[in-house]
Amino acid sequence: METETIDPQVIDLVARAQAGDSAAFSSLYDLYVDRVFGYVYRRVQDRPTAEDLTSDVFFRAYRRLGKFTWQGVDIGAWLMTIARNRVNDHFKSARFRLESTTDEVAEPDVTGDDRPDSPERVAIARDMARSLAHALDQLSDDHREVIELRFVHGLNVAETAEVMQRTPGAVKALQYRASRALADVIRDEPSLSDLAALGLGTVLLLTRTLVRP
């Protein structure tokens, strides 16, 4: 597959890691751990569990890296596929217990007048993050996942298709339906009514900056 659109540094790191360079794999870990952890955390909603599962994802990736071949998308999509499968295994596990962790909502990066020492601004941001997370949780599993992969974790259509094991065309159609469903939910969410007036694009941008671990 063509790899011209993939960062040459990543291609080099993968080649070195496949040749046994542990430092190269560590660099790959540093590049992708936040994305993988964010995806896992959003699925399991428990930080210690997400940390354990993320570690297992990279352990599995390390063991399987020799079999990795480029499929025209960034290796991040391959890692996210492993993460998706690991989370699914977790949910099927007899040890799984559904828990709610509404307190662990990230505070946004703020500068200038939006200083982190402003309790009022922090409270508003946290409430908005909770509302956005709640809105996403009301979507179907497929709709929520495509929104998270595309707009929270920043995967492109091809990478999302790789993770969800669908065609790019199917992902585009699913994204359209998911966006419409999210817009409907937001209109019924009192705390997000002002944002709804600004359009779905604004809300999707905020999901990327606020709805994260």
C-alpha atoms as a PDB file:
ATOM      1  CA  MET A   1       0.000   0.000   0.000  1.00  0.00           C
ATOM      2  CA  GLU A   2       1.045   3.587  -0.568  1.00  0.00           C
ATOM      3  CA  THR A   3       2.579   5.265   2.473  1.00  0.00           C
ATOM      4  CA  GLU A   4       3.389   8.697   1.023  1.00  0.00           C
ATOM      5  CA  THR A   5       0.775  10.383   3.236  1.00  0.00           C
ATOM      6  CA  ILE A   6       2.152   8.814   6.437  1.00  0.00           C
ATOM      7  CA  ASP A   7       4.739  10.659   8.528  1.00  0.00           C
ATOM      8  CA  PRO A   8       8.203   9.386   7.448  1.00  0.00           C
ATOM      9  CA  GLN A   9       9.298   9.521  11.081  1.00  0.00           C
ATOM     10  CA  VAL A  10       6.552   7.053  11.988  1.00  0.00           C
ATOM     11  CA  ILE A  11       7.503   4.745   9.132  1.00  0.00           C
ATOM     12  CA  ASP A  12      11.110   4.789  10.327  1.00  0.00           C
ATOM     13  CA  LEU A  13      10.100   4.134  13.947  1.00  0.00           C
ATOM     14  CA  VAL A  14       7.961   1.172  12.919  1.00  0.00           C
ATOM     15  CA  ALA A  15      10.765  -0.327  10.835  1.00  0.00           C
ATOM     16  CA  ARG A  16      13.249   0.060  13.683  1.00  0.00           C
ATOM     17  CA  ALA A  17      10.813  -1.325  16.245  1.00  0.00           C
ATOM     18  CA  GLN A  18      10.135  -4.332  14.026  1.00  0.00           C
ATOM     19  CA  ALA A  19      13.883  -4.880  13.885  1.00  0.00           C
ATOM     20  CA  GLY A  20      13.978  -5.077  17.673  1.00  0.00           C
ATOM     21  CA  ASP A  21      14.755  -1.480  18.627  1.00  0.00           C
ATOM     22  CA  SER A  22      12.963  -1.040  21.968  1.00  0.00           C
ATOM     23  CA  ALA A  23      13.672   2.695  22.005  1.00  0.00           C
ATOM     24  CA  ALA A  24      11.799   3.052  18.716  1.00  0.00           C
ATOM     25  CA  PHE A  25       8.798   1.237  20.170  1.00  0.00           C
ATOM     26  CA  SER A  26       8.937   3.520  23.193  1.00  0.00           C
ATOM     27  CA  SER A  27       8.785   6.485  20.834  1.00  0.00           C
ATOM     28  CA  LEU A  28       5.716   4.981  19.133  1.00  0.00           C
ATOM     29  CA  TYR A  29       4.185   4.543  22.559  1.00  0.00           C
ATOM     30  CA  ASP A  30       4.788   8.208  23.370  1.00  0.00           C
ATOM     31  CA  LEU A  31       3.203   9.272  20.073  1.00  0.00           C
ATOM     32  CA  TYR A  32       0.014   7.255  20.431  1.00  0.00           C
ATOM     33  CA  VAL A  33      -0.617   6.531  24.103  1.00  0.00           C
ATOM     34  CA  ASP A  34      -2.816   9.587  24.682  1.00  0.00           C
ATOM     35  CA  ARG A  35      -5.039   8.734  21.720  1.00  0.00           C
ATOM     36  CA  VAL A  36      -5.373   5.088  22.756  1.00  0.00           C
ATOM     37  CA  PHE A  37      -5.976   5.932  26.410  1.00  0.00           C
ATOM     38  CA  GLY A  38      -8.570   8.561  25.504  1.00  0.00           C
ATOM     39  CA  TYR A  39     -10.503   6.066  23.395  1.00  0.00           C
ATOM     40  CA  VAL A  40     -10.339   3.345  26.043  1.00  0.00           C
ATOM     41  CA  TYR A  41     -11.294   5.714  28.848  1.00  0.00           C
ATOM     42  CA  ARG A  42     -14.335   6.994  26.991  1.00  0.00           C
ATOM     43  CA  ARG A  43     -15.484   3.391  26.526  1.00  0.00           C
ATOM     44  CA  VAL A  44     -14.906   2.045  30.037  1.00  0.00           C
ATOM     45  CA  GLN A  45     -15.436   5.269  32.056  1.00  0.00           C
ATOM     46  CA  ASP A  46     -12.980   4.217  34.765  1.00  0.00           C
ATOM     47  CA  ARG A  47      -9.449   5.591  34.909  1.00  0.00           C
ATOM     48  CA  PRO A  48      -7.604   2.671  36.591  1.00  0.00           C
ATOM     49  CA  THR A  49      -9.306   0.201  34.252  1.00  0.00           C
ATOM     50  CA  ALA A  50      -8.450   2.368  31.246  1.00  0.00           C
ATOM     51  CA  GLU A  51      -4.816   2.553  32.346  1.00  0.00           C
ATOM     52  CA  ASP A  52      -4.629  -1.240  32.687  1.00  0.00           C
ATOM     53  CA  LEU A  53      -6.291  -1.847  29.336  1.00  0.00           C
ATOM     54  CA  THR A  54      -4.087   0.712  27.602  1.00  0.00           C
ATOM     55  CA  SER A  55      -0.983  -1.015  28.948  1.00  0.00           C
ATOM     56  CA  ASP A  56      -2.323  -4.301  27.646  1.00  0.00           C
ATOM     57  CA  VAL A  57      -3.018  -2.761  24.235  1.00  0.00           C
ATOM     58  CA  PHE A  58       0.623  -1.744  23.846  1.00  0.00           C
ATOM     59  CA  PHE A  59       1.835  -5.076  25.193  1.00  0.00           C
ATOM     60  CA  ARG A  60      -0.238  -6.833  22.526  1.00  0.00           C
ATOM     61  CA  ALA A  61       0.992  -4.384  19.912  1.00  0.00           C
ATOM     62  CA  TYR A  62       4.598  -5.083  20.890  1.00  0.00           C
ATOM     63  CA  ARG A  63       4.067  -8.827  20.529  1.00  0.00           C
ATOM     64  CA  ARG A  64       2.289  -8.478  17.178  1.00  0.00           C
ATOM     65  CA  LEU A  65       4.381  -5.716  15.642  1.00  0.00           C
ATOM     66  CA  GLY A  66       6.382  -8.158  13.537  1.00  0.00           C
ATOM     67  CA  LYS A  67       3.190  -9.056  11.661  1.00  0.00           C
ATOM     68  CA  PHE A  68       2.147  -5.444  11.082  1.00  0.00           C
ATOM     69  CA  THR A  69       2.002  -4.350   7.443  1.00  0.00           C
ATOM     70  CA  TRP A  70       1.057  -0.944   6.109  1.00  0.00           C
ATOM     71  CA  GLN A  71      -2.528  -0.768   4.813  1.00  0.00           C
ATOM     72  CA  GLY A  72      -2.434   2.814   3.599  1.00  0.00           C
ATOM     73  CA  VAL A  73      -3.313   4.307   6.992  1.00  0.00           C
ATOM     74  CA  ASP A  74      -1.274   5.422   9.975  1.00  0.00           C
ATOM     75  CA  ILE A  75      -0.235   2.754  12.496  1.00  0.00           C
ATOM     76  CA  GLY A  76      -2.427   4.600  14.974  1.00  0.00           C
ATOM     77  CA  ALA A  77      -5.445   2.994  13.303  1.00  0.00           C
ATOM     78  CA  TRP A  78      -3.908  -0.444  13.898  1.00  0.00           C
ATOM     79  CA  LEU A  79      -3.368   0.420  17.569  1.00  0.00           C
ATOM     80  CA  MET A  80      -6.924   1.685  17.879  1.00  0.00           C
ATOM     81  CA  THR A  81      -8.197  -1.576  16.370  1.00  0.00           C
ATOM     82  CA  ILE A  82      -6.323  -3.487  19.062  1.00  0.00           C
ATOM     83  CA  ALA A  83      -7.776  -1.109  21.653  1.00  0.00           C
ATOM     84  CA  ARG A  84     -11.294  -1.612  20.338  1.00  0.00           C
ATOM     85  CA  ASN A  85     -10.951  -5.388  20.462  1.00  0.00           C
ATOM     86  CA  ARG A  86      -9.424  -5.265  23.942  1.00  0.00           C
ATOM     87  CA  VAL A  87     -12.275  -3.105  25.239  1.00  0.00           C
ATOM     88  CA  ASN A  88     -14.807  -5.477  23.708  1.00  0.00           C
ATOM     89  CA  ASP A  89     -13.050  -8.378  25.429  1.00  0.00           C
ATOM     90  CA  HIS A  90     -13.208  -6.430  28.679  1.00  0.00           C
ATOM     91  CA  PHE A  91     -16.953  -5.924  28.409  1.00  0.00           C
ATOM     92  CA  LYS A  92     -17.436  -9.624  27.737  1.00  0.00           C
ATOM     93  CA  SER A  93     -15.270 -10.599  30.681  1.00  0.00           C
ATOM     94  CA  ALA A  94     -16.876 -12.124  33.761  1.00  0.00           C
ATOM     95  CA  ARG A  95     -14.819  -9.661  35.808  1.00  0.00           C
ATOM     96  CA  PHE A  96     -16.435  -6.628  34.205  1.00  0.00           C
ATOM     97  CA  ARG A  97     -18.588  -4.430  36.441  1.00  0.00           C
ATOM     98  CA  LEU A  98     -20.322  -1.372  35.044  1.00  0.00           C
ATOM     99  CA  GLU A  99     -19.329   1.716  37.041  1.00  0.00           C
ATOM    100  CA  SER A 100     -20.125   5.416  36.646  1.00  0.00           C
ATOM    101  CA  THR A 101     -17.347   7.992  37.012  1.00  0.00           C
ATOM    102  CA  THR A 102     -18.921  11.376  36.392  1.00  0.00           C
ATOM    103  CA  ASP A 103     -16.369  13.216  38.520  1.00  0.00           C
ATOM    104  CA  GLU A 104     -13.410  12.488  36.254  1.00  0.00           C
ATOM    105  CA  VAL A 105     -14.131  15.076  33.590  1.00  0.00           C
ATOM    106  CA  ALA A 106     -11.164  16.992  32.267  1.00  0.00           C
ATOM    107  CA  GLU A 107     -10.806  20.685  32.721  1.00  0.00           C
ATOM    108  CA  PRO A 108     -10.026  22.432  29.408  1.00  0.00           C
ATOM    109  CA  ASP A 109      -6.691  24.033  28.615  1.00  0.00           C
ATOM    110  CA  VAL A 110      -7.161  27.726  29.309  1.00  0.00           C
ATOM    111  CA  THR A 111      -5.079  30.849  28.859  1.00  0.00           C
ATOM    112  CA  GLY A 112      -5.421  34.590  29.263  1.00  0.00           C
ATOM    113  CA  ASP A 113      -8.707  35.600  30.840  1.00  0.00           C
ATOM    114  CA  ASP A 114      -9.789  31.935  31.134  1.00  0.00           C
ATOM    115  CA  ARG A 115      -7.419  31.292  34.016  1.00  0.00           C
ATOM    116  CA  PRO A 116      -7.578  27.882  35.724  1.00  0.00           C
ATOM    117  CA  ASP A 117      -7.805  29.666  39.084  1.00  0.00           C
ATOM    118  CA  SER A 118     -11.262  30.954  38.202  1.00  0.00           C
ATOM    119  CA  PRO A 119     -13.705  28.603  40.002  1.00  0.00           C
ATOM    120  CA  GLU A 120     -16.653  29.892  38.016  1.00  0.00           C
ATOM    121  CA  ARG A 121     -15.016  29.221  34.634  1.00  0.00           C
ATOM    122  CA  VAL A 122     -13.829  25.799  35.741  1.00  0.00           C
ATOM    123  CA  ALA A 123     -17.311  24.910  36.973  1.00  0.00           C
ATOM    124  CA  ILE A 124     -18.906  26.021  33.694  1.00  0.00           C
ATOM    125  CA  ALA A 125     -16.392  24.036  31.649  1.00  0.00           C
ATOM    126  CA  ARG A 126     -16.894  20.922  33.765  1.00  0.00           C
ATOM    127  CA  ASP A 127     -20.678  21.176  33.505  1.00  0.00           C
ATOM    128  CA  MET A 128     -20.455  21.581  29.751  1.00  0.00           C
ATOM    129  CA  ALA A 129     -18.116  18.606  29.484  1.00  0.00           C
ATOM    130  CA  ARG A 130     -20.533  16.480  31.485  1.00  0.00           C
ATOM    131  CA  SER A 131     -23.408  17.575  29.272  1.00  0.00           C
ATOM    132  CA  LEU A 132     -21.491  16.748  26.099  1.00  0.00           C
ATOM    133  CA  ALA A 133     -20.468  13.373  27.496  1.00  0.00           C
ATOM    134  CA  HIS A 134     -24.075  12.703  28.488  1.00  0.00           C
ATOM    135  CA  ALA A 135     -25.258  13.633  25.005  1.00  0.00           C
ATOM    136  CA  LEU A 136     -22.772  11.217  23.437  1.00  0.00           C
ATOM    137  CA  ASP A 137     -23.834   8.474  25.830  1.00  0.00           C
ATOM    138  CA  GLN A 138     -27.392   8.728  24.546  1.00  0.00           C
ATOM    139  CA  LEU A 139     -26.318   7.718  21.042  1.00  0.00           C
ATOM    140  CA  SER A 140     -26.218   4.149  19.803  1.00  0.00           C
ATOM    141  CA  ASP A 141     -22.878   2.362  20.176  1.00  0.00           C
ATOM    142  CA  ASP A 142     -21.973   2.767  16.489  1.00  0.00           C
ATOM    143  CA  HIS A 143     -23.014   6.411  16.382  1.00  0.00           C
ATOM    144  CA  ARG A 144     -21.089   7.259  19.556  1.00  0.00           C
ATOM    145  CA  GLU A 145     -17.983   5.415  18.391  1.00  0.00           C
ATOM    146  CA  VAL A 146     -17.798   7.069  14.986  1.00  0.00           C
ATOM    147  CA  ILE A 147     -18.231  10.528  16.561  1.00  0.00           C
ATOM    148  CA  GLU A 148     -15.521   9.802  19.127  1.00  0.00           C
ATOM    149  CA  LEU A 149     -13.063   8.375  16.611  1.00  0.00           C
ATOM    150  CA  ARG A 150     -13.556  11.187  14.113  1.00  0.00           C
ATOM    151  CA  PHE A 151     -13.978  14.242  16.339  1.00  0.00           C
ATOM    152  CA  VAL A 152     -12.618  13.379  19.787  1.00  0.00           C
ATOM    153  CA  HIS A 153      -9.589  11.325  18.741  1.00  0.00           C
ATOM    154  CA  GLY A 154      -9.060  12.985  15.362  1.00  0.00           C
ATOM    155  CA  LEU A 155      -8.886   9.919  13.106  1.00  0.00           C
ATOM    156  CA  ASN A 156      -9.533  10.460   9.420  1.00  0.00           C
ATOM    157  CA  VAL A 157     -12.169   8.497   7.497  1.00  0.00           C
ATOM    158  CA  ALA A 158      -9.764   5.785   6.324  1.00  0.00           C
ATOM    159  CA  GLU A 159      -8.380   5.268   9.827  1.00  0.00           C
ATOM    160  CA  THR A 160     -11.868   5.168  11.302  1.00  0.00           C
ATOM    161  CA  ALA A 161     -12.881   2.612   8.692  1.00  0.00           C
ATOM    162  CA  GLU A 162      -9.873   0.486   9.657  1.00  0.00           C
ATOM    163  CA  VAL A 163     -10.785   0.589  13.350  1.00  0.00           C
ATOM    164  CA  MET A 164     -14.501  -0.056  12.835  1.00  0.00           C
ATOM    165  CA  GLN A 165     -13.887  -2.645  10.123  1.00  0.00           C
ATOM    166  CA  ARG A 166     -16.105  -0.870   7.627  1.00  0.00           C
ATOM    167  CA  THR A 167     -15.574   0.677   4.230  1.00  0.00           C
ATOM    168  CA  PRO A 168     -14.786   4.418   4.037  1.00  0.00           C
ATOM    169  CA  GLY A 169     -18.135   4.959   2.330  1.00  0.00           C
ATOM    170  CA  ALA A 170     -19.953   3.198   5.147  1.00  0.00           C
ATOM    171  CA  VAL A 171     -18.095   5.330   7.712  1.00  0.00           C
ATOM    172  CA  LYS A 172     -19.113   8.535   5.913  1.00  0.00           C
ATOM    173  CA  ALA A 173     -22.754   7.445   5.909  1.00  0.00           C
ATOM    174  CA  LEU A 174     -22.561   6.403   9.550  1.00  0.00           C
ATOM    175  CA  GLN A 175     -20.929   9.712  10.485  1.00  0.00           C
ATOM    176  CA  TYR A 176     -23.734  11.622   8.783  1.00  0.00           C
ATOM    177  CA  ARG A 177     -26.411   9.658  10.628  1.00  0.00           C
ATOM    178  CA  ALA A 178     -24.518   9.965  13.918  1.00  0.00           C
ATOM    179  CA  SER A 179     -24.157  13.729  13.508  1.00  0.00           C
ATOM    180  CA  ARG A 180     -27.893  14.074  12.889  1.00  0.00           C
ATOM    181  CA  ALA A 181     -28.632  11.932  15.944  1.00  0.00           C
ATOM    182  CA  LEU A 182     -26.272  14.010  18.098  1.00  0.00           C
ATOM    183  CA  ALA A 183     -27.901  17.219  16.886  1.00  0.00           C
ATOM    184  CA  ASP A 184     -31.302  15.873  17.939  1.00  0.00           C
ATOM    185  CA  VAL A 185     -29.986  14.964  21.403  1.00  0.00           C
ATOM    186  CA  ILE A 186     -28.338  18.351  21.874  1.00  0.00           C
ATOM    187  CA  ARG A 187     -31.546  20.205  21.082  1.00  0.00           C
ATOM    188  CA  ASP A 188     -33.142  18.383  24.016  1.00  0.00           C
ATOM    189  CA  GLU A 189     -30.218  19.049  26.398  1.00  0.00           C
ATOM    190  CA  PRO A 190     -31.031  22.268  28.343  1.00  0.00           C
ATOM    191  CA  SER A 191     -27.413  23.022  29.247  1.00  0.00           C
ATOM    192  CA  LEU A 192     -26.400  22.832  25.589  1.00  0.00           C
ATOM    193  CA  SER A 193     -29.281  24.768  24.085  1.00  0.00           C
ATOM    194  CA  ASP A 194     -27.152  27.862  23.467  1.00  0.00           C
ATOM    195  CA  LEU A 195     -24.524  25.778  21.680  1.00  0.00           C
ATOM    196  CA  ALA A 196     -27.177  24.116  19.534  1.00  0.00           C
ATOM    197  CA  ALA A 197     -28.009  27.527  18.131  1.00  0.00           C
ATOM    198  CA  LEU A 198     -24.400  27.905  16.975  1.00  0.00           C
ATOM    199  CA  GLY A 199     -24.568  24.740  14.907  1.00  0.00           C
ATOM    200  CA  LEU A 200     -23.364  21.156  15.158  1.00  0.00           C
ATOM    201  CA  GLY A 201     -19.858  22.053  13.965  1.00  0.00           C
ATOM    202  CA  THR A 202     -19.261  24.100  17.116  1.00  0.00           C
ATOM    203  CA  VAL A 203     -20.444  21.240  19.300  1.00  0.00           C
ATOM    204  CA  LEU A 204     -18.224  18.725  17.526  1.00  0.00           C
ATOM    205  CA  LEU A 205     -15.249  21.023  18.022  1.00  0.00           C
ATOM    206  CA  LEU A 206     -16.033  21.221  21.725  1.00  0.00           C
ATOM    207  CA  THR A 207     -16.311  17.434  21.987  1.00  0.00           C
ATOM    208  CA  ARG A 208     -12.668  17.294  20.944  1.00  0.00           C
ATOM    209  CA  THR A 209     -11.512  19.852  23.505  1.00  0.00           C
ATOM    210  CA  LEU A 210     -13.753  19.006  26.461  1.00  0.00           C
ATOM    211  CA  VAL A 211     -14.885  15.376  26.280  1.00  0.00           C
ATOM    212  CA  ARG A 212     -11.635  13.644  27.096  1.00  0.00           C
ATOM    213  CA  PRO A 213     -10.075  11.942  30.112  1.00  0.00           C
END
